[in-house]
Amino acid sequence: MAFTVAIDGPAGAGKSTVARKAAIALGFTYIDTGAMYRTIALQVLEQGMDPEEAEAVTQVAQQSQIVLSPLDTDGNQTVFVRGRDVTKEIRTPEVSQMTSRISATPQVRTVMVELQRSISRESPYGVVLEGRDIGTVVFPHADVKVFLTASAEERAQRRYHELLGKGVEIRFETVLAEQIERDQRDSQRVASPLKIAEDSHYLMTDGLSIEQVVEQIIALCVEKGYRAEGSMSS
């Protein structure tokens, strides 16, 4: 079984950036679970589907043929759905909102969880995953569990500047309101709600750099037996 690092936390906490950098530093496979759900949301939007139609949305998930490329040296990963590169398309605000809705569907989560576990089984050294329920549902026996978070205002500011950098015109108040709404939806959903695993390490990132957070995660891995070059101590 591959050495598993599970990073959970609310939207905008920096999980993706931290997970990518940690995966590169550790020499592990990075599994962007959020991107996987986003691909389903994108298809639901493109097909004009009702996200409440669980059976139809689940069928989309089953037929998606999602492939995640290895990270390049800059930490970028290409996301494919049935051979189509959707890396940029899945990062719009509309897809973000739809993702939160369809990810609450139990049948969709079942499909995605099995795919995530399958990718992990094929990894030669270890995997780093980030999401909402990695340490509680997907990999409850992960070697290292981290709950990464930041204040709602801090997370909204990060998202706001990210969107501005992509040329998206939006007000900060709108981003903050969407942030708070998504937090409520993710924590109150019936299927795998956002919560902290009992054995998870709680990391509040306000005021910390990405590098400082990654260093803390690597230190936790070392405590659990990780050694350089993807090998484990005996």
Protein backbone atom coordinates (compact mmCIF):
# COMPACT_ATOMS: atom_id res chain seq x y z
CA MET A 1 0.00 0.00 0.00
CA ALA A 2 1.39 3.38 -1.00
CA PHE A 3 2.33 5.90 1.68
CA THR A 4 -0.71 8.17 1.80
CA VAL A 5 -0.92 11.85 2.70
CA ALA A 6 -4.51 13.08 3.12
CA ILE A 7 -5.09 16.84 3.14
CA ASP A 8 -8.59 18.03 3.93
CA GLY A 9 -10.05 21.47 4.47
CA PRO A 10 -12.58 24.05 3.25
CA ALA A 11 -12.58 25.71 -0.17
CA GLY A 12 -9.85 28.29 -0.64
CA ALA A 13 -7.58 27.00 2.12
CA GLY A 14 -4.69 26.47 -0.30
CA LYS A 15 -4.97 22.68 -0.28
CA SER A 16 -4.23 22.27 -3.98
CA THR A 17 -1.09 24.41 -4.01
CA VAL A 18 0.23 22.83 -0.82
CA ALA A 19 -0.58 19.29 -1.99
CA ARG A 20 1.17 19.81 -5.32
CA LYS A 21 4.34 21.16 -3.73
CA ALA A 22 4.33 18.44 -1.08
CA ALA A 23 3.92 15.74 -3.75
CA ILE A 24 6.90 17.10 -5.71
CA ALA A 25 9.06 17.35 -2.57
CA LEU A 26 8.15 13.81 -1.51
CA GLY A 27 8.35 12.26 -4.96
CA PHE A 28 4.73 11.09 -4.69
CA THR A 29 1.80 10.96 -7.10
CA TYR A 30 -0.59 13.91 -6.80
CA ILE A 31 -4.31 13.13 -7.07
CA ASP A 32 -6.39 16.29 -7.52
CA THR A 33 -9.73 15.04 -6.22
CA GLY A 34 -11.28 18.47 -6.61
CA ALA A 35 -10.42 18.50 -10.31
CA MET A 36 -12.08 15.11 -10.69
CA TYR A 37 -15.37 16.42 -9.30
CA ARG A 38 -15.00 19.59 -11.35
CA THR A 39 -14.90 17.56 -14.56
CA ILE A 40 -18.31 16.13 -13.69
CA ALA A 41 -19.65 19.60 -12.87
CA LEU A 42 -18.36 20.95 -16.20
CA GLN A 43 -20.17 18.23 -18.13
CA VAL A 44 -23.39 18.80 -16.16
CA LEU A 45 -23.24 22.49 -17.07
CA GLU A 46 -22.40 21.85 -20.72
CA GLN A 47 -25.26 19.38 -21.08
CA GLY A 48 -27.73 21.64 -19.28
CA MET A 49 -28.51 18.91 -16.77
CA ASP A 50 -30.33 19.28 -13.48
CA PRO A 51 -27.71 18.58 -10.77
CA GLU A 52 -30.49 17.13 -8.60
CA GLU A 53 -31.00 14.28 -11.10
CA ALA A 54 -28.69 11.91 -9.25
CA GLU A 55 -28.96 8.99 -11.65
CA ALA A 56 -28.11 11.07 -14.72
CA VAL A 57 -25.22 12.86 -13.00
CA THR A 58 -23.85 9.54 -11.72
CA GLN A 59 -23.94 8.16 -15.24
CA VAL A 60 -21.84 11.12 -16.37
CA ALA A 61 -19.32 10.31 -13.62
CA GLN A 62 -19.17 6.65 -14.63
CA GLN A 63 -18.54 7.47 -18.28
CA SER A 64 -16.08 10.35 -17.84
CA GLN A 65 -12.78 8.44 -18.24
CA ILE A 66 -10.86 10.96 -16.14
CA VAL A 67 -7.07 11.00 -16.51
CA LEU A 68 -4.70 13.15 -14.43
CA SER A 69 -1.23 13.70 -15.87
CA PRO A 70 1.90 13.57 -13.69
CA LEU A 71 2.91 16.95 -12.28
CA ASP A 72 5.44 18.91 -14.29
CA THR A 73 8.36 20.67 -12.61
CA ASP A 74 6.20 23.75 -11.95
CA GLY A 75 3.50 21.70 -10.24
CA ASN A 76 1.03 21.85 -13.11
CA GLN A 77 -1.24 18.94 -13.90
CA THR A 78 -3.30 18.40 -17.04
CA VAL A 79 -6.82 17.04 -16.61
CA PHE A 80 -8.43 14.99 -19.36
CA VAL A 81 -12.00 13.76 -19.80
CA ARG A 82 -12.39 11.16 -22.56
CA GLY A 83 -9.18 12.48 -24.11
CA ARG A 84 -10.23 16.16 -23.96
CA ASP A 85 -8.04 18.64 -22.07
CA VAL A 86 -10.35 20.49 -19.65
CA THR A 87 -7.67 21.88 -17.33
CA LYS A 88 -8.66 25.53 -17.78
CA GLU A 89 -12.38 25.02 -18.29
CA ILE A 90 -12.92 23.42 -14.88
CA ARG A 91 -11.60 26.46 -12.98
CA THR A 92 -14.42 28.94 -13.59
CA PRO A 93 -16.65 30.28 -10.77
CA GLU A 94 -19.67 28.59 -12.38
CA VAL A 95 -17.96 25.20 -12.28
CA SER A 96 -16.89 25.82 -8.68
CA GLN A 97 -20.47 26.38 -7.57
CA MET A 98 -21.79 23.40 -9.53
CA THR A 99 -19.02 21.20 -8.12
CA SER A 100 -20.20 21.85 -4.58
CA ARG A 101 -23.71 20.79 -5.61
CA ILE A 102 -22.94 17.60 -7.53
CA SER A 103 -20.28 16.45 -5.04
CA ALA A 104 -23.03 16.11 -2.45
CA THR A 105 -24.55 13.25 -4.47
CA PRO A 106 -23.67 9.95 -2.72
CA GLN A 107 -23.62 7.92 -5.94
CA VAL A 108 -21.19 10.34 -7.58
CA ARG A 109 -18.92 10.21 -4.56
CA THR A 110 -18.91 6.41 -4.66
CA VAL A 111 -17.67 6.48 -8.26
CA MET A 112 -15.00 9.09 -7.54
CA VAL A 113 -13.75 7.42 -4.36
CA GLU A 114 -13.20 4.11 -6.14
CA LEU A 115 -11.27 5.88 -8.91
CA GLN A 116 -9.10 7.71 -6.34
CA ARG A 117 -8.31 4.45 -4.56
CA SER A 118 -7.52 2.79 -7.87
CA ILE A 119 -5.01 5.50 -8.79
CA SER A 120 -3.44 5.16 -5.34
CA ARG A 121 -3.01 1.41 -5.73
CA GLU A 122 -1.06 1.99 -8.94
CA SER A 123 1.35 4.51 -7.39
CA PRO A 124 4.88 3.08 -6.87
CA TYR A 125 5.85 5.17 -3.82
CA GLY A 126 3.09 7.26 -2.33
CA VAL A 127 0.22 9.63 -3.01
CA VAL A 128 -0.89 13.06 -1.87
CA LEU A 129 -4.61 13.77 -2.06
CA GLU A 130 -6.61 16.81 -1.04
CA GLY A 131 -10.32 17.33 -0.66
CA ARG A 132 -13.12 17.38 1.92
CA ASP A 133 -13.28 13.76 3.09
CA ILE A 134 -9.93 12.20 2.23
CA GLY A 135 -8.92 11.43 5.80
CA THR A 136 -12.44 10.53 6.98
CA VAL A 137 -13.86 8.51 4.07
CA VAL A 138 -11.53 7.96 1.12
CA PHE A 139 -8.42 6.98 3.10
CA PRO A 140 -9.38 6.72 6.79
CA HIS A 141 -6.10 4.89 7.45
CA ALA A 142 -3.86 7.40 5.68
CA ASP A 143 -0.31 7.60 7.07
CA VAL A 144 -0.53 11.37 7.49
CA LYS A 145 -3.73 13.39 7.82
CA VAL A 146 -3.79 17.18 7.72
CA PHE A 147 -6.76 19.52 8.09
CA LEU A 148 -5.68 22.69 6.32
CA THR A 149 -7.73 25.81 6.87
CA ALA A 150 -7.74 29.61 7.08
CA SER A 151 -10.30 32.24 8.05
CA ALA A 152 -13.16 32.80 5.60
CA GLU A 153 -11.88 36.31 4.89
CA GLU A 154 -8.37 35.07 4.20
CA ARG A 155 -9.62 32.35 1.87
CA ALA A 156 -11.91 34.77 0.04
CA GLN A 157 -9.04 37.20 -0.46
CA ARG A 158 -6.90 34.45 -2.00
CA ARG A 159 -9.71 33.39 -4.32
CA TYR A 160 -10.51 37.01 -5.23
CA HIS A 161 -6.93 37.76 -6.31
CA GLU A 162 -6.71 34.44 -8.13
CA LEU A 163 -9.80 35.33 -10.18
CA LEU A 164 -8.56 38.85 -10.87
CA GLY A 165 -5.29 37.37 -12.10
CA LYS A 166 -7.28 35.27 -14.56
CA GLY A 167 -9.12 38.32 -15.86
CA VAL A 168 -12.39 37.56 -14.10
CA GLU A 169 -14.23 40.74 -13.05
CA ILE A 170 -15.86 40.16 -9.68
CA ARG A 171 -16.39 41.99 -6.38
CA PHE A 172 -14.67 40.78 -3.20
CA GLU A 173 -18.01 40.83 -1.37
CA THR A 174 -19.39 38.39 -3.93
CA VAL A 175 -16.44 36.02 -3.50
CA LEU A 176 -16.77 36.16 0.30
CA ALA A 177 -20.51 35.47 0.17
CA GLU A 178 -19.95 32.50 -2.14
CA GLN A 179 -17.17 31.29 0.17
CA ILE A 180 -19.43 31.32 3.22
CA GLU A 181 -22.29 29.67 1.30
CA ARG A 182 -20.01 26.90 0.05
CA ASP A 183 -18.58 26.30 3.53
CA GLN A 184 -22.10 25.81 4.87
CA ARG A 185 -23.09 23.49 2.04
CA ASP A 186 -19.92 21.39 2.29
CA SER A 187 -20.17 20.98 6.06
CA GLN A 188 -23.91 20.29 6.17
CA ARG A 189 -24.27 17.86 3.25
CA VAL A 190 -25.42 14.33 4.01
CA ALA A 191 -22.78 12.55 1.93
CA SER A 192 -19.28 12.82 3.39
CA PRO A 193 -19.56 16.29 4.95
CA LEU A 194 -16.45 18.37 5.57
CA LYS A 195 -15.15 17.54 9.03
CA ILE A 196 -11.88 17.02 10.87
CA ALA A 197 -10.68 13.44 11.35
CA GLU A 198 -9.90 12.68 15.00
CA ASP A 199 -6.28 11.83 14.18
CA SER A 200 -5.76 14.75 11.80
CA HIS A 201 -3.18 17.49 12.33
CA TYR A 202 -4.95 20.89 12.35
CA LEU A 203 -3.07 23.56 10.39
CA MET A 204 -4.32 27.17 10.41
CA THR A 205 -2.50 28.86 7.54
CA ASP A 206 -3.28 32.54 8.19
CA GLY A 207 0.07 34.33 8.12
CA LEU A 208 2.02 31.28 6.92
CA SER A 209 3.75 30.96 3.56
CA ILE A 210 3.13 27.99 1.28
CA GLU A 211 6.69 26.83 1.93
CA GLN A 212 6.19 26.87 5.70
CA VAL A 213 3.04 24.77 5.41
CA VAL A 214 4.74 22.26 3.10
CA GLU A 215 7.68 21.97 5.50
CA GLN A 216 5.30 21.08 8.32
CA ILE A 217 3.66 18.37 6.21
CA ILE A 218 7.01 16.87 5.21
CA ALA A 219 8.04 16.85 8.87
CA LEU A 220 4.87 14.88 9.71
CA CYS A 221 5.74 12.39 6.96
CA VAL A 222 9.24 11.93 8.35
CA GLU A 223 7.74 11.21 11.76
CA LYS A 224 5.66 8.47 10.12
CA GLY A 225 8.64 6.81 8.45
CA TYR A 226 9.10 8.65 5.17
CA ARG A 227 12.61 8.81 3.74
CA ALA A 228 13.85 10.62 0.64
CA GLU A 229 13.45 9.19 -2.87
CA GLY A 230 10.06 7.68 -2.13
CA SER A 231 11.34 4.98 0.22
CA MET A 232 10.18 4.16 3.75
CA SER A 233 12.29 3.47 6.81
CA SER A 234 12.03 0.01 8.24
